């Protein structure tokens, strides 16, 4: 088997370190058993250290930009409602569309 240039080391703290040859930085991965994670959470301890928050995703809540053209009278009405509610135009549009979609799927 050919060498990949990767070496793994295991320490007593259940931390695995990946050392790569060359100028690449060391990557440290912290592993914890699910039951230990559950226990820490249930006891009110922080469990954030066990998650990579830089790459976190919320499935089904990713966004995609769309462009919609509205007639001026609609924009004026949206702006009036946004001002009344103290939110921006986009929030009004998102709220109303979400309400309509919930009604249609309920």
C-alpha atoms as a PDB file:
ATOM      1  CA  UNK A   1       0.000   0.000   0.000  1.00  0.00           C
ATOM      2  CA  UNK A   2       1.396   3.400  -0.985  1.00  0.00           C
ATOM      3  CA  UNK A   3       2.010   5.977   1.735  1.00  0.00           C
ATOM      4  CA  UNK A   4      -0.380   8.933   1.708  1.00  0.00           C
ATOM      5  CA  UNK A   5       1.845  11.112   3.846  1.00  0.00           C
ATOM      6  CA  UNK A   6      -0.793  11.128   6.598  1.00  0.00           C
ATOM      7  CA  UNK A   7      -0.224   9.947  10.156  1.00  0.00           C
ATOM      8  CA  UNK A   8      -2.806   9.555  12.881  1.00  0.00           C
ATOM      9  CA  UNK A   9      -2.123   9.772  16.601  1.00  0.00           C
ATOM     10  CA  UNK A  10      -4.525   9.016  19.414  1.00  0.00           C
ATOM     11  CA  UNK A  11      -4.331  10.608  22.857  1.00  0.00           C
ATOM     12  CA  UNK A  12      -6.130   9.829  26.110  1.00  0.00           C
ATOM     13  CA  UNK A  13      -8.518  12.767  25.646  1.00  0.00           C
ATOM     14  CA  UNK A  14     -10.209  11.187  22.627  1.00  0.00           C
ATOM     15  CA  UNK A  15      -8.654  13.812  20.369  1.00  0.00           C
ATOM     16  CA  UNK A  16      -7.385  12.679  17.009  1.00  0.00           C
ATOM     17  CA  UNK A  17      -4.772  14.743  15.247  1.00  0.00           C
ATOM     18  CA  UNK A  18      -4.093  14.591  11.536  1.00  0.00           C
ATOM     19  CA  UNK A  19      -0.593  15.597  10.541  1.00  0.00           C
ATOM     20  CA  UNK A  20       0.030  16.172   6.867  1.00  0.00           C
ATOM     21  CA  UNK A  21       3.436  16.453   5.265  1.00  0.00           C
ATOM     22  CA  UNK A  22       4.470  19.775   3.829  1.00  0.00           C
ATOM     23  CA  UNK A  23       3.321  23.228   4.862  1.00  0.00           C
ATOM     24  CA  UNK A  24      -0.254  22.198   5.726  1.00  0.00           C
ATOM     25  CA  UNK A  25      -1.513  23.022   9.202  1.00  0.00           C
ATOM     26  CA  UNK A  26      -2.469  20.357  11.701  1.00  0.00           C
ATOM     27  CA  UNK A  27      -6.191  19.610  11.891  1.00  0.00           C
ATOM     28  CA  UNK A  28      -7.546  18.614  15.302  1.00  0.00           C
ATOM     29  CA  UNK A  29     -10.765  16.625  15.455  1.00  0.00           C
ATOM     30  CA  UNK A  30     -12.593  16.177  18.780  1.00  0.00           C
ATOM     31  CA  UNK A  31     -14.773  13.088  18.989  1.00  0.00           C
ATOM     32  CA  UNK A  32     -17.337  12.344  21.696  1.00  0.00           C
ATOM     33  CA  UNK A  33     -19.755   9.463  22.076  1.00  0.00           C
ATOM     34  CA  UNK A  34     -23.419  10.353  21.525  1.00  0.00           C
ATOM     35  CA  UNK A  35     -24.452   9.326  25.040  1.00  0.00           C
ATOM     36  CA  UNK A  36     -21.742  11.578  26.534  1.00  0.00           C
ATOM     37  CA  UNK A  37     -22.857  14.472  24.335  1.00  0.00           C
ATOM     38  CA  UNK A  38     -26.477  13.908  25.424  1.00  0.00           C
ATOM     39  CA  UNK A  39     -25.454  13.774  29.089  1.00  0.00           C
ATOM     40  CA  UNK A  40     -23.448  17.017  28.812  1.00  0.00           C
ATOM     41  CA  UNK A  41     -26.368  18.755  27.109  1.00  0.00           C
ATOM     42  CA  UNK A  42     -28.914  17.440  29.633  1.00  0.00           C
ATOM     43  CA  UNK A  43     -26.710  18.668  32.483  1.00  0.00           C
ATOM     44  CA  UNK A  44     -26.700  22.153  30.970  1.00  0.00           C
ATOM     45  CA  UNK A  45     -23.060  22.048  29.907  1.00  0.00           C
ATOM     46  CA  UNK A  46     -21.954  23.635  26.649  1.00  0.00           C
ATOM     47  CA  UNK A  47     -21.530  21.159  23.808  1.00  0.00           C
ATOM     48  CA  UNK A  48     -20.526  23.705  21.148  1.00  0.00           C
ATOM     49  CA  UNK A  49     -16.858  22.711  21.341  1.00  0.00           C
ATOM     50  CA  UNK A  50     -17.789  19.418  19.674  1.00  0.00           C
ATOM     51  CA  UNK A  51     -19.188  21.062  16.534  1.00  0.00           C
ATOM     52  CA  UNK A  52     -17.570  22.761  13.547  1.00  0.00           C
ATOM     53  CA  UNK A  53     -19.601  25.984  13.569  1.00  0.00           C
ATOM     54  CA  UNK A  54     -17.818  27.391  10.503  1.00  0.00           C
ATOM     55  CA  UNK A  55     -19.477  24.832   8.247  1.00  0.00           C
ATOM     56  CA  UNK A  56     -22.832  24.525   9.968  1.00  0.00           C
ATOM     57  CA  UNK A  57     -25.911  24.266   7.742  1.00  0.00           C
ATOM     58  CA  UNK A  58     -29.611  24.359   8.524  1.00  0.00           C
ATOM     59  CA  UNK A  59     -31.249  21.813   6.192  1.00  0.00           C
ATOM     60  CA  UNK A  60     -34.259  23.178   4.392  1.00  0.00           C
ATOM     61  CA  UNK A  61     -33.451  26.751   5.386  1.00  0.00           C
ATOM     62  CA  UNK A  62     -30.791  27.521   2.812  1.00  0.00           C
ATOM     63  CA  UNK A  63     -31.633  30.642   0.865  1.00  0.00           C
ATOM     64  CA  UNK A  64     -31.755  31.358  -2.825  1.00  0.00           C
ATOM     65  CA  UNK A  65     -32.075  34.829  -4.271  1.00  0.00           C
ATOM     66  CA  UNK A  66     -34.979  35.468  -6.654  1.00  0.00           C
ATOM     67  CA  UNK A  67     -35.918  38.628  -8.498  1.00  0.00           C
ATOM     68  CA  UNK A  68     -39.553  39.659  -8.718  1.00  0.00           C
ATOM     69  CA  UNK A  69     -40.873  42.709 -10.527  1.00  0.00           C
ATOM     70  CA  UNK A  70     -43.774  44.525  -8.833  1.00  0.00           C
ATOM     71  CA  UNK A  71     -45.861  47.372 -10.176  1.00  0.00           C
ATOM     72  CA  UNK A  72     -45.261  50.710  -8.428  1.00  0.00           C
ATOM     73  CA  UNK A  73     -48.637  50.654  -6.659  1.00  0.00           C
ATOM     74  CA  UNK A  74     -47.695  47.323  -5.014  1.00  0.00           C
ATOM     75  CA  UNK A  75     -44.338  48.646  -3.882  1.00  0.00           C
ATOM     76  CA  UNK A  76     -46.039  51.706  -2.381  1.00  0.00           C
ATOM     77  CA  UNK A  77     -48.504  49.455  -0.524  1.00  0.00           C
ATOM     78  CA  UNK A  78     -45.705  47.164   0.662  1.00  0.00           C
ATOM     79  CA  UNK A  79     -43.679  50.126   1.896  1.00  0.00           C
ATOM     80  CA  UNK A  80     -46.695  51.545   3.746  1.00  0.00           C
ATOM     81  CA  UNK A  81     -47.322  48.199   5.463  1.00  0.00           C
ATOM     82  CA  UNK A  82     -43.615  47.782   6.250  1.00  0.00           C
ATOM     83  CA  UNK A  83     -43.532  51.206   7.880  1.00  0.00           C
ATOM     84  CA  UNK A  84     -46.691  50.422   9.880  1.00  0.00           C
ATOM     85  CA  UNK A  85     -45.149  47.160  11.146  1.00  0.00           C
ATOM     86  CA  UNK A  86     -41.685  48.649  11.681  1.00  0.00           C
ATOM     87  CA  UNK A  87     -39.977  46.124   9.402  1.00  0.00           C
ATOM     88  CA  UNK A  88     -38.501  46.294   5.915  1.00  0.00           C
ATOM     89  CA  UNK A  89     -40.247  45.540   2.626  1.00  0.00           C
ATOM     90  CA  UNK A  90     -38.503  42.187   2.195  1.00  0.00           C
ATOM     91  CA  UNK A  91     -39.691  41.034   5.627  1.00  0.00           C
ATOM     92  CA  UNK A  92     -43.290  41.911   4.720  1.00  0.00           C
ATOM     93  CA  UNK A  93     -43.062  39.929   1.486  1.00  0.00           C
ATOM     94  CA  UNK A  94     -41.457  36.906   3.193  1.00  0.00           C
ATOM     95  CA  UNK A  95     -44.001  36.951   6.029  1.00  0.00           C
ATOM     96  CA  UNK A  96     -47.000  37.156   3.735  1.00  0.00           C
ATOM     97  CA  UNK A  97     -45.741  34.444   1.392  1.00  0.00           C
ATOM     98  CA  UNK A  98     -44.933  32.168   4.345  1.00  0.00           C
ATOM     99  CA  UNK A  99     -48.437  32.696   5.774  1.00  0.00           C
ATOM    100  CA  UNK A 100     -50.070  31.912   2.434  1.00  0.00           C
ATOM    101  CA  UNK A 101     -47.960  28.779   1.949  1.00  0.00           C
ATOM    102  CA  UNK A 102     -48.805  27.551   5.453  1.00  0.00           C
ATOM    103  CA  UNK A 103     -52.513  28.071   4.791  1.00  0.00           C
ATOM    104  CA  UNK A 104     -52.285  26.171   1.488  1.00  0.00           C
ATOM    105  CA  UNK A 105     -50.404  23.202   2.993  1.00  0.00           C
ATOM    106  CA  UNK A 106     -52.449  22.962   6.225  1.00  0.00           C
END
